[in-house]
Amino acid sequence: MPTTYFLLNVTLNQEQSVIDNIKNSLSEIANIIFDIQGVFGVYDIVLKVTSDSEDSLRNTVMSKIRSIQNIQSSITMIVNE
């Protein structure tokens, strides 16, 4: 199953809001499994998304994650299986 990790930087003090928005957005998608954690360090949030197809992952990124407010920057890492 294709897996992608996202490292997110968000607006100061908006970490929990972004986490909640991502959880709500991704929970609506049947073929997506995800884990999200707030972290300390260079990035604010780590998100792992697994899907049954690469197309589904791509659509998730384009339609759901990129539309969430207060994400300042992101790094996307696709797992090489």
C-alpha atoms as a PDB file:
ATOM      1  CA  MET A   1       0.000   0.000   0.000  1.00  0.00           C
ATOM      2  CA  PRO A   2       1.438   3.387  -0.951  1.00  0.00           C
ATOM      3  CA  THR A   3       2.501   5.481   2.030  1.00  0.00           C
ATOM      4  CA  THR A   4       3.464   9.136   2.269  1.00  0.00           C
ATOM      5  CA  TYR A   5       4.877  11.180   5.145  1.00  0.00           C
ATOM      6  CA  PHE A   6       4.241  14.907   5.436  1.00  0.00           C
ATOM      7  CA  LEU A   7       6.351  17.248   7.553  1.00  0.00           C
ATOM      8  CA  LEU A   8       4.353  20.401   8.210  1.00  0.00           C
ATOM      9  CA  ASN A   9       5.201  23.855   9.515  1.00  0.00           C
ATOM     10  CA  VAL A  10       2.174  25.760  10.710  1.00  0.00           C
ATOM     11  CA  THR A  11       1.309  29.222  11.989  1.00  0.00           C
ATOM     12  CA  LEU A  12       2.407  29.769  15.589  1.00  0.00           C
ATOM     13  CA  ASN A  13      -0.125  28.454  18.120  1.00  0.00           C
ATOM     14  CA  GLN A  14      -2.278  26.868  15.393  1.00  0.00           C
ATOM     15  CA  GLU A  15      -0.876  23.338  15.689  1.00  0.00           C
ATOM     16  CA  GLN A  16      -3.933  21.778  17.331  1.00  0.00           C
ATOM     17  CA  SER A  17      -6.300  23.541  14.959  1.00  0.00           C
ATOM     18  CA  VAL A  18      -4.415  22.183  11.942  1.00  0.00           C
ATOM     19  CA  ILE A  19      -4.294  18.685  13.455  1.00  0.00           C
ATOM     20  CA  ASP A  20      -8.050  18.775  14.078  1.00  0.00           C
ATOM     21  CA  ASN A  21      -8.743  20.020  10.537  1.00  0.00           C
ATOM     22  CA  ILE A  22      -6.595  17.278   9.013  1.00  0.00           C
ATOM     23  CA  LYS A  23      -8.278  14.613  11.155  1.00  0.00           C
ATOM     24  CA  ASN A  24     -11.726  15.832  10.110  1.00  0.00           C
ATOM     25  CA  SER A  25     -10.798  16.038   6.421  1.00  0.00           C
ATOM     26  CA  LEU A  26      -9.105  12.644   6.198  1.00  0.00           C
ATOM     27  CA  SER A  27     -11.696  10.829   8.315  1.00  0.00           C
ATOM     28  CA  GLU A  28     -14.201  11.396   5.505  1.00  0.00           C
ATOM     29  CA  ILE A  29     -12.171   9.272   3.057  1.00  0.00           C
ATOM     30  CA  ALA A  30     -12.867   5.534   3.209  1.00  0.00           C
ATOM     31  CA  ASN A  31      -9.640   4.182   1.694  1.00  0.00           C
ATOM     32  CA  ILE A  32      -7.213   6.325   3.737  1.00  0.00           C
ATOM     33  CA  ILE A  33      -5.386   5.283   6.907  1.00  0.00           C
ATOM     34  CA  PHE A  34      -3.528   8.065   8.679  1.00  0.00           C
ATOM     35  CA  ASP A  35      -1.600   8.930  11.815  1.00  0.00           C
ATOM     36  CA  ILE A  36      -0.859  12.502  12.858  1.00  0.00           C
ATOM     37  CA  GLN A  37       1.322  13.822  15.677  1.00  0.00           C
ATOM     38  CA  GLY A  38       2.429  17.216  16.894  1.00  0.00           C
ATOM     39  CA  VAL A  39       6.210  17.254  17.377  1.00  0.00           C
ATOM     40  CA  PHE A  40       8.968  19.510  18.715  1.00  0.00           C
ATOM     41  CA  GLY A  41      11.829  20.518  16.443  1.00  0.00           C
ATOM     42  CA  VAL A  42      12.165  21.916  12.945  1.00  0.00           C
ATOM     43  CA  TYR A  43       8.652  20.787  11.994  1.00  0.00           C
ATOM     44  CA  ASP A  44       5.416  21.139  13.932  1.00  0.00           C
ATOM     45  CA  ILE A  45       3.403  18.164  12.675  1.00  0.00           C
ATOM     46  CA  VAL A  46       4.207  14.752  11.194  1.00  0.00           C
ATOM     47  CA  LEU A  47       1.464  13.105   9.146  1.00  0.00           C
ATOM     48  CA  LYS A  48       1.585   9.562   7.757  1.00  0.00           C
ATOM     49  CA  VAL A  49      -0.995   8.667   5.115  1.00  0.00           C
ATOM     50  CA  THR A  50      -1.500   5.211   3.620  1.00  0.00           C
ATOM     51  CA  SER A  51      -3.936   4.423   0.834  1.00  0.00           C
ATOM     52  CA  ASP A  52      -4.860   1.601  -1.495  1.00  0.00           C
ATOM     53  CA  SER A  53      -3.572   3.487  -4.553  1.00  0.00           C
ATOM     54  CA  GLU A  54      -1.146   6.234  -5.533  1.00  0.00           C
ATOM     55  CA  ASP A  55      -3.960   8.101  -7.273  1.00  0.00           C
ATOM     56  CA  SER A  56      -5.942   8.184  -4.062  1.00  0.00           C
ATOM     57  CA  LEU A  57      -2.925   9.573  -2.202  1.00  0.00           C
ATOM     58  CA  ARG A  58      -2.368  12.223  -4.857  1.00  0.00           C
ATOM     59  CA  ASN A  59      -6.030  13.261  -4.764  1.00  0.00           C
ATOM     60  CA  THR A  60      -5.893  13.445  -0.970  1.00  0.00           C
ATOM     61  CA  VAL A  61      -2.932  15.804  -1.080  1.00  0.00           C
ATOM     62  CA  MET A  62      -4.430  18.033  -3.741  1.00  0.00           C
ATOM     63  CA  SER A  63      -7.969  18.254  -2.411  1.00  0.00           C
ATOM     64  CA  LYS A  64      -7.665  17.924   1.347  1.00  0.00           C
ATOM     65  CA  ILE A  65      -4.263  18.711   2.841  1.00  0.00           C
ATOM     66  CA  ARG A  66      -3.303  21.632   0.599  1.00  0.00           C
ATOM     67  CA  SER A  67      -6.586  23.399   1.302  1.00  0.00           C
ATOM     68  CA  ILE A  68      -6.121  23.527   5.085  1.00  0.00           C
ATOM     69  CA  GLN A  69      -5.464  26.991   6.462  1.00  0.00           C
ATOM     70  CA  ASN A  70      -2.436  27.850   8.622  1.00  0.00           C
ATOM     71  CA  ILE A  71      -0.061  25.376   6.966  1.00  0.00           C
ATOM     72  CA  GLN A  72       2.954  27.541   6.145  1.00  0.00           C
ATOM     73  CA  SER A  73       5.098  24.915   4.411  1.00  0.00           C
ATOM     74  CA  SER A  74       5.297  21.178   3.902  1.00  0.00           C
ATOM     75  CA  ILE A  75       7.666  18.472   2.807  1.00  0.00           C
ATOM     76  CA  THR A  76       6.172  15.380   1.195  1.00  0.00           C
ATOM     77  CA  MET A  77       8.082  12.097   1.295  1.00  0.00           C
ATOM     78  CA  ILE A  78       6.730   9.117  -0.629  1.00  0.00           C
ATOM     79  CA  VAL A  79       7.895   5.784   0.775  1.00  0.00           C
ATOM     80  CA  ASN A  80       9.955   3.735  -1.677  1.00  0.00           C
ATOM     81  CA  GLU A  81       8.592   0.202  -1.382  1.00  0.00           C
END
